[in-house]
Protein backbone atom coordinates (compact mmCIF):
# COMPACT_ATOMS: atom_id res chain seq x y z
CA MET A 1 -6.07 15.95 -18.45
CA ASP A 2 -9.07 13.48 -18.19
CA HIS A 3 -7.60 10.11 -17.70
CA HIS A 4 -11.03 8.51 -17.61
CA THR A 5 -12.34 9.02 -21.11
CA GLN A 6 -10.53 6.45 -23.03
CA ASP A 7 -9.11 2.85 -22.77
CA HIS A 8 -6.58 2.17 -20.24
CA VAL A 9 -4.79 -0.55 -18.59
CA GLY A 10 -4.84 -1.41 -14.96
CA ILE A 11 -3.17 -3.90 -12.65
CA LEU A 12 -5.64 -6.46 -11.19
CA SER A 13 -3.12 -7.93 -8.76
CA GLU A 14 0.59 -8.01 -7.83
CA ALA A 15 2.21 -11.07 -6.00
CA PHE A 16 5.47 -12.65 -5.21
CA TYR A 17 7.10 -15.65 -3.77
CA LEU A 18 10.37 -15.56 -1.73
CA PRO A 19 11.97 -18.96 -0.94
CA PRO A 20 11.99 -19.61 2.86
CA ASP A 21 15.74 -20.28 3.13
CA LYS A 22 18.05 -17.43 4.05
CA LYS A 23 21.72 -16.57 3.83
CA LEU A 24 23.53 -14.08 5.95
CA VAL A 25 25.20 -11.31 3.92
CA ALA A 26 28.20 -11.73 6.16
CA ASP A 27 28.38 -15.25 4.80
CA VAL A 28 27.85 -14.05 1.26
CA PHE A 29 30.85 -11.88 1.65
CA ARG A 30 32.92 -14.57 3.19
CA ASP A 31 32.20 -17.00 0.25
CA GLU A 32 32.62 -14.50 -2.49
CA ASP A 33 35.51 -12.28 -3.86
CA VAL A 34 34.26 -8.89 -2.60
CA PRO A 35 36.67 -6.02 -2.50
CA PHE A 36 37.09 -4.26 0.81
CA GLY A 37 37.48 -0.29 1.12
CA THR A 38 35.65 2.81 0.44
CA LEU A 39 33.80 3.63 -2.75
CA SER A 40 33.29 7.27 -2.31
CA LYS A 41 32.50 9.75 0.35
CA ASN A 42 33.44 7.27 3.08
CA VAL A 43 30.85 4.61 1.77
CA ASP A 44 32.16 1.18 2.44
CA PHE A 45 30.30 -1.55 0.43
CA GLN A 46 30.65 -4.35 2.94
CA ARG A 47 30.11 -2.24 6.04
CA ASP A 48 27.30 0.12 4.83
CA ILE A 49 25.26 -2.10 2.34
CA GLY A 50 22.31 -2.16 4.82
CA ILE A 51 21.38 -5.79 3.86
CA HIS A 52 21.57 -8.35 6.74
CA ASP A 53 20.24 -11.54 4.83
CA ILE A 54 18.78 -12.56 1.60
CA HIS A 55 16.62 -15.30 0.32
CA VAL A 56 18.34 -18.30 -1.45
CA THR A 57 17.21 -21.56 -2.97
CA GLU A 58 18.25 -24.47 -5.06
CA GLU A 59 15.04 -24.54 -6.88
CA MET A 60 14.90 -23.49 -10.63
CA PRO A 61 13.93 -19.93 -11.12
CA SER A 62 10.85 -21.23 -13.13
CA VAL A 63 9.64 -22.67 -9.86
CA LEU A 64 9.79 -19.31 -8.17
CA ALA A 65 8.01 -17.59 -11.06
CA LEU A 66 5.15 -20.15 -11.21
CA GLU A 67 4.42 -19.91 -7.56
CA ALA A 68 4.26 -16.08 -8.06
CA CYS A 69 2.00 -16.50 -10.97
CA ARG A 70 -0.38 -18.82 -9.25
CA ARG A 71 -0.70 -16.26 -6.41
CA ALA A 72 -1.23 -13.30 -8.76
CA MET A 73 -3.93 -15.25 -10.71
CA ASP A 74 -5.64 -16.20 -7.39
CA GLN A 75 -5.58 -12.67 -6.02
CA ALA A 76 -6.92 -11.16 -9.22
CA GLY A 77 -9.70 -14.00 -9.33
CA VAL A 78 -8.89 -14.89 -13.12
CA SER A 79 -9.09 -18.20 -14.64
CA ALA A 80 -6.39 -19.84 -16.96
CA SER A 81 -8.90 -19.38 -19.95
CA GLU A 82 -8.93 -15.52 -19.42
CA ILE A 83 -5.24 -14.99 -19.87
CA ASP A 84 -4.45 -13.79 -23.51
CA LEU A 85 -0.95 -12.90 -23.01
CA VAL A 86 2.02 -14.12 -21.08
CA VAL A 87 5.33 -11.93 -20.70
CA ASP A 88 8.43 -12.88 -19.01
CA PHE A 89 10.49 -9.87 -17.76
CA THR A 90 13.13 -11.85 -15.97
CA SER A 91 16.26 -9.82 -16.76
CA ILE A 92 18.80 -12.83 -17.19
CA PRO A 93 18.02 -15.98 -18.87
CA GLU A 94 17.61 -18.77 -16.16
CA ASP A 95 16.69 -22.42 -16.17
CA TYR A 96 18.26 -22.72 -19.64
CA VAL A 97 20.49 -20.12 -21.51
CA GLY A 98 18.34 -18.33 -23.92
CA PRO A 99 17.18 -17.29 -26.28
CA THR A 100 15.82 -20.55 -27.66
CA TRP A 101 14.07 -21.68 -24.40
CA SER A 102 10.93 -19.74 -23.24
CA ALA A 103 10.21 -19.40 -19.68
CA ALA A 104 6.99 -17.84 -20.83
CA GLY A 105 6.06 -20.99 -22.70
CA LEU A 106 6.84 -23.02 -19.59
CA VAL A 107 4.43 -20.85 -17.58
CA GLN A 108 1.83 -20.98 -20.29
CA HIS A 109 2.07 -24.86 -20.35
CA GLU A 110 2.33 -25.40 -16.51
CA LEU A 111 -0.68 -23.23 -15.79
CA GLY A 112 -2.69 -24.35 -18.77
CA LEU A 113 -3.06 -20.98 -20.38
CA ASP A 114 -4.13 -22.33 -23.65
CA ASN A 115 -5.57 -19.14 -25.08
CA ALA A 116 -2.48 -17.05 -24.47
CA PHE A 117 0.40 -15.85 -26.47
CA ALA A 118 3.78 -16.27 -24.71
CA THR A 119 6.75 -13.90 -25.09
CA ALA A 120 9.45 -12.09 -23.23
CA VAL A 121 10.62 -8.50 -22.91
CA ASN A 122 13.77 -8.60 -20.93
CA THR A 123 16.57 -6.56 -22.26
CA GLY A 124 16.22 -3.78 -19.75
CA GLY A 125 17.97 -5.31 -16.76
CA CYS A 126 16.16 -4.37 -13.58
CA ALA A 127 14.10 -1.93 -15.65
CA SER A 128 12.47 -4.73 -17.55
CA TYR A 129 9.44 -4.40 -15.46
CA HIS A 130 8.84 -0.97 -17.18
CA LEU A 131 9.76 -2.18 -20.66
CA ALA A 132 7.29 -5.09 -20.29
CA LEU A 133 4.57 -2.99 -18.89
CA LYS A 134 4.91 -0.35 -21.67
CA SER A 135 5.00 -3.08 -24.21
CA VAL A 136 1.98 -4.83 -22.78
CA MET A 137 0.12 -1.62 -22.65
CA SER A 138 0.89 -0.97 -26.30
CA LEU A 139 -0.43 -4.39 -27.31
CA MET A 140 -3.55 -4.26 -25.41
CA LEU A 141 -4.49 -0.73 -26.39
CA SER A 142 -3.92 -1.57 -30.11
CA ASP A 143 -5.32 -4.98 -30.23
CA THR A 144 -8.74 -6.02 -28.78
CA GLY A 145 -7.58 -9.69 -28.80
CA PHE A 146 -5.36 -8.84 -25.69
CA GLU A 147 -7.77 -8.39 -22.74
CA THR A 148 -5.93 -9.81 -19.81
CA ALA A 149 -2.01 -10.45 -19.34
CA LEU A 150 0.06 -12.20 -16.97
CA LEU A 151 3.67 -10.66 -16.60
CA PHE A 152 6.22 -12.49 -14.40
CA ALA A 153 9.82 -12.85 -13.42
CA GLY A 154 11.74 -15.58 -11.60
CA ASP A 155 15.50 -15.06 -10.43
CA ARG A 156 18.09 -17.44 -8.98
CA THR A 157 21.50 -16.18 -9.02
CA PRO A 158 24.38 -18.74 -9.11
CA GLU A 159 25.53 -19.83 -5.63
CA PHE A 160 28.60 -17.74 -5.40
CA ASN A 161 27.28 -14.79 -7.53
CA LYS A 162 24.97 -13.07 -5.03
CA THR A 163 27.26 -9.89 -4.70
CA TYR A 164 26.58 -7.25 -7.52
CA TYR A 165 29.53 -5.08 -6.52
CA PRO A 166 29.50 -2.12 -6.27
CA ILE A 167 25.72 -1.87 -6.14
CA THR A 168 23.96 -4.51 -3.97
CA VAL A 169 23.56 -8.15 -3.02
CA ALA A 170 20.89 -10.16 -4.95
CA SER A 171 18.09 -12.20 -3.53
CA ASP A 172 16.31 -15.16 -5.15
CA GLY A 173 12.58 -14.79 -5.79
CA GLY A 174 9.77 -14.63 -8.10
CA SER A 175 7.03 -11.89 -8.91
CA ALA A 176 3.92 -11.76 -11.11
CA LEU A 177 1.18 -9.32 -11.87
CA VAL A 178 -2.08 -9.60 -13.86
CA VAL A 179 -3.03 -6.63 -15.90
CA ARG A 180 -6.26 -6.07 -17.71
CA ARG A 181 -7.70 -3.47 -20.10
CA ASN A 182 -9.90 -0.85 -18.27
CA SER A 183 -9.31 -2.46 -14.89
CA PRO A 184 -10.40 0.18 -12.21
CA ARG A 185 -7.72 -0.94 -9.90
CA ALA A 186 -4.27 0.41 -10.16
CA ARG A 187 -4.78 2.30 -13.38
CA ILE A 188 -1.37 2.75 -15.33
CA LEU A 189 -1.26 6.54 -16.29
CA GLY A 190 1.91 6.33 -18.04
CA VAL A 191 5.45 4.54 -18.51
CA GLU A 192 8.65 6.44 -19.70
CA THR A 193 11.92 4.97 -20.45
CA ILE A 194 15.27 6.25 -21.42
CA SER A 195 18.22 4.08 -22.65
CA ILE A 196 21.90 4.90 -23.35
CA GLY A 197 23.44 2.50 -25.77
CA ARG A 198 26.98 3.06 -24.98
CA LEU A 199 26.57 1.50 -21.57
CA HIS A 200 25.22 -1.74 -22.95
CA ASP A 201 28.03 -3.69 -21.39
CA VAL A 202 28.68 -2.18 -18.07
CA TRP A 203 27.18 -5.25 -16.54
CA TYR A 204 27.68 -8.57 -18.49
CA VAL A 205 27.64 -12.35 -18.12
CA PRO A 206 30.75 -13.57 -20.19
CA GLY A 207 29.44 -17.08 -21.32
CA LEU A 208 31.59 -19.92 -22.14
CA GLN A 209 32.32 -18.59 -25.66
CA SER A 210 34.08 -15.63 -24.15
CA ARG A 211 36.76 -17.29 -22.10
CA GLU A 212 40.39 -16.45 -22.78
CA PRO A 213 42.63 -18.88 -24.66
CA ASN A 214 43.46 -21.85 -22.49
CA GLU A 215 41.03 -20.62 -19.77
CA GLU A 216 39.21 -23.52 -18.15
CA PRO A 217 35.28 -23.54 -18.67
CA THR A 218 34.06 -22.79 -15.14
CA GLU A 219 30.73 -21.70 -13.59
CA LYS A 220 32.30 -18.20 -13.16
CA LEU A 221 31.80 -17.66 -16.83
CA LEU A 222 28.17 -17.55 -16.04
CA HIS A 223 28.45 -15.02 -13.20
CA MET A 224 27.71 -11.38 -13.54
CA TYR A 225 30.50 -8.91 -13.83
CA ALA A 226 30.93 -5.15 -13.94
CA LYS A 227 33.22 -2.97 -16.08
CA MET A 228 34.16 -0.73 -13.03
CA ASP A 229 35.86 2.02 -15.10
CA LYS A 230 32.92 2.18 -17.41
CA PHE A 231 30.57 2.17 -14.33
CA ASN A 232 32.49 4.75 -12.52
CA GLU A 233 32.83 7.08 -15.67
CA GLY A 234 29.67 6.38 -17.49
CA VAL A 235 26.90 5.56 -14.82
CA ILE A 236 27.76 7.28 -11.57
CA PRO A 237 27.99 10.89 -12.91
CA ILE A 238 24.58 10.74 -14.78
CA ASN A 239 22.47 8.20 -12.72
CA PHE A 240 20.33 10.41 -10.66
CA ARG A 241 20.24 13.14 -13.37
CA MET A 242 18.67 10.38 -15.60
CA PHE A 243 16.17 9.57 -12.93
CA GLY A 244 15.14 13.13 -12.78
CA LYS A 245 14.84 13.29 -16.46
CA VAL A 246 12.68 10.12 -16.87
CA ILE A 247 10.49 11.26 -13.82
CA GLN A 248 9.98 14.75 -15.27
CA LYS A 249 9.28 13.38 -18.73
CA LEU A 250 6.55 11.18 -17.29
CA LEU A 251 5.09 13.77 -15.11
CA LYS A 252 4.94 16.30 -17.99
CA ARG A 253 3.13 13.82 -20.15
CA CYS A 254 0.56 13.21 -17.48
CA GLU A 255 0.13 16.94 -16.72
CA LEU A 256 1.19 16.42 -13.02
CA SER A 257 4.12 17.53 -10.64
CA MET A 258 6.11 15.98 -8.06
CA GLU A 259 3.77 17.27 -5.49
CA ASP A 260 1.03 15.11 -7.02
CA VAL A 261 2.75 11.86 -6.29
CA ASP A 262 1.72 10.26 -3.07
CA TYR A 263 4.32 7.45 -2.86
CA TYR A 264 7.47 6.13 -4.46
CA ILE A 265 8.53 2.69 -5.22
CA TYR A 266 12.23 2.31 -5.66
CA PRO A 267 14.65 -0.66 -5.94
CA THR A 268 16.35 -2.02 -2.76
CA PHE A 269 19.81 -1.51 -3.68
CA SER A 270 21.55 -0.28 -0.52
CA THR A 271 21.29 2.13 2.47
CA TRP A 272 23.50 4.98 0.82
CA ASP A 273 21.62 4.61 -2.52
CA GLN A 274 18.31 5.17 -0.82
CA ALA A 275 19.66 8.00 1.19
CA TYR A 276 20.91 9.71 -2.05
CA PHE A 277 17.56 9.19 -3.67
CA LEU A 278 15.75 10.81 -0.87
CA LYS A 279 18.09 13.72 -0.65
CA LYS A 280 18.20 14.33 -4.48
CA PHE A 281 14.51 14.62 -4.85
CA ASP A 282 13.93 16.07 -1.46
CA LEU A 283 11.57 13.34 -0.40
CA PRO A 284 10.59 12.32 3.18
CA ARG A 285 11.21 8.72 3.98
CA GLU A 286 7.68 8.10 4.79
CA LYS A 287 6.95 8.51 0.98
CA VAL A 288 9.39 5.95 -0.34
CA TYR A 289 9.35 2.18 0.41
CA THR A 290 12.58 1.24 2.05
CA ALA A 291 11.79 -1.41 4.73
CA ALA A 292 12.47 -4.39 2.35
CA LEU A 293 16.30 -3.75 2.21
CA LYS A 294 17.48 -5.31 5.49
CA HIS A 295 15.98 -8.69 5.13
CA ARG A 296 15.79 -9.09 1.33
CA GLY A 297 18.32 -6.96 -0.54
CA HIS A 298 17.71 -6.66 -4.20
CA VAL A 299 15.35 -9.06 -6.19
CA GLN A 300 16.42 -7.55 -9.46
CA GLU A 301 13.44 -6.53 -11.66
CA SER A 302 10.99 -8.12 -9.23
CA ASP A 303 11.83 -5.22 -6.67
CA MET A 304 9.11 -3.20 -8.53
CA VAL A 305 6.41 -5.70 -7.75
CA ILE A 306 7.26 -7.04 -4.45
CA ASN A 307 7.81 -3.56 -2.91
CA TYR A 308 4.58 -2.36 -4.50
CA ALA A 309 2.67 -5.38 -3.16
CA GLU A 310 4.24 -5.01 0.44
CA ALA A 311 3.52 -1.26 0.39
CA VAL A 312 -0.13 -1.99 -0.33
CA ASP A 313 -0.50 -4.76 2.27
CA GLN A 314 1.05 -2.52 4.86
CA GLY A 315 -1.18 0.51 4.15
CA HIS A 316 1.42 2.84 2.56
CA ILE A 317 -0.49 2.85 -0.72
CA ARG A 318 -4.33 3.54 -0.48
CA PRO A 319 -6.82 3.56 -3.18
CA GLY A 320 -6.63 6.66 -5.38
CA ASP A 321 -2.90 7.24 -4.55
CA LYS A 322 -0.68 8.25 -7.38
CA VAL A 323 2.42 5.81 -7.07
CA MET A 324 5.60 6.52 -8.87
CA VAL A 325 7.66 3.22 -9.58
CA ILE A 326 11.24 3.82 -10.45
CA SER A 327 14.15 1.65 -11.60
CA ASN A 328 17.23 1.57 -13.54
CA GLY A 329 18.73 -1.40 -15.19
CA ALA A 330 21.85 -2.77 -16.89
CA GLY A 331 21.61 -2.49 -20.56
CA PHE A 332 21.45 0.59 -19.90
CA ALA A 333 17.76 2.10 -19.08
CA TRP A 334 16.07 4.40 -16.62
CA SER A 335 12.37 3.95 -16.27
CA ALA A 336 9.44 5.24 -14.40
CA ALA A 337 5.71 4.22 -14.16
CA LEU A 338 2.90 6.31 -12.71
CA ILE A 339 -0.02 4.29 -11.23
CA GLN A 340 -3.13 5.53 -9.78
CA HIS A 341 -4.03 2.84 -7.30
């Protein structure tokens, strides 16, 4: 397939901001109600997570997002007047509880993006990066009024809600990317997503309206929870099969094979999750970015942007490389993007 004979969308820049303050994961476990014991196959969540410390902040999530946006625009060399579209792909409403408040509107206002339309695509959990990318590509390729877009996310989990048992420990941070029609850099060859509706509430934030009769309204009603029975019975048995399905669906569409992929960007969940991903798809460690796990943990949907940016900076991704960016997300979706850097 000739990927160079029609309009396409490319990524001009990817950037991130991680707040300087850190918290030891041992202290996170001390402060939070985290179960002890093995999950399966002798994996112990606390012992084997592989995360030593995470980034934490008391700043509003929009502050993290704004700093990442400024960096992405600076790296891309684009001015405020060039941005036609602003898309928030943060997976959980932050500064205020949505949907009436718009983080994209805040970014548009604070950065003076007067020519832009601001919106959000964030129902895919940590796969919201892919859903936003796919939506923006569709808009740009169908409407010539959208030439350049700014995509962003900003996350700050509640103080005592850093643990996403049994998956990972979450870090605070922001990310952003600038995409442009027909950009020669980081051409997006395709994005594929698969969703399974019956798993819509495996992860959930109860909210004040969901409290039990006579239950006191506390901050814990705004914490993330997992329905463990649904997670164990619904997600675990199919997780990597769905990854394989979405990867093969994308490769078939692009008329490529696994051997054509030069590098993989994968979420930083845990050591055992990374090990299983490598084993399942028979990948050498040097083809998958894993370095971020120990001193950052999981920055939710921003993992995709941050890990890509660091891999580029460290020389793992070179011009011309085909990079597979993969994630899953509560909601529940599995997603893959193929980018020719």
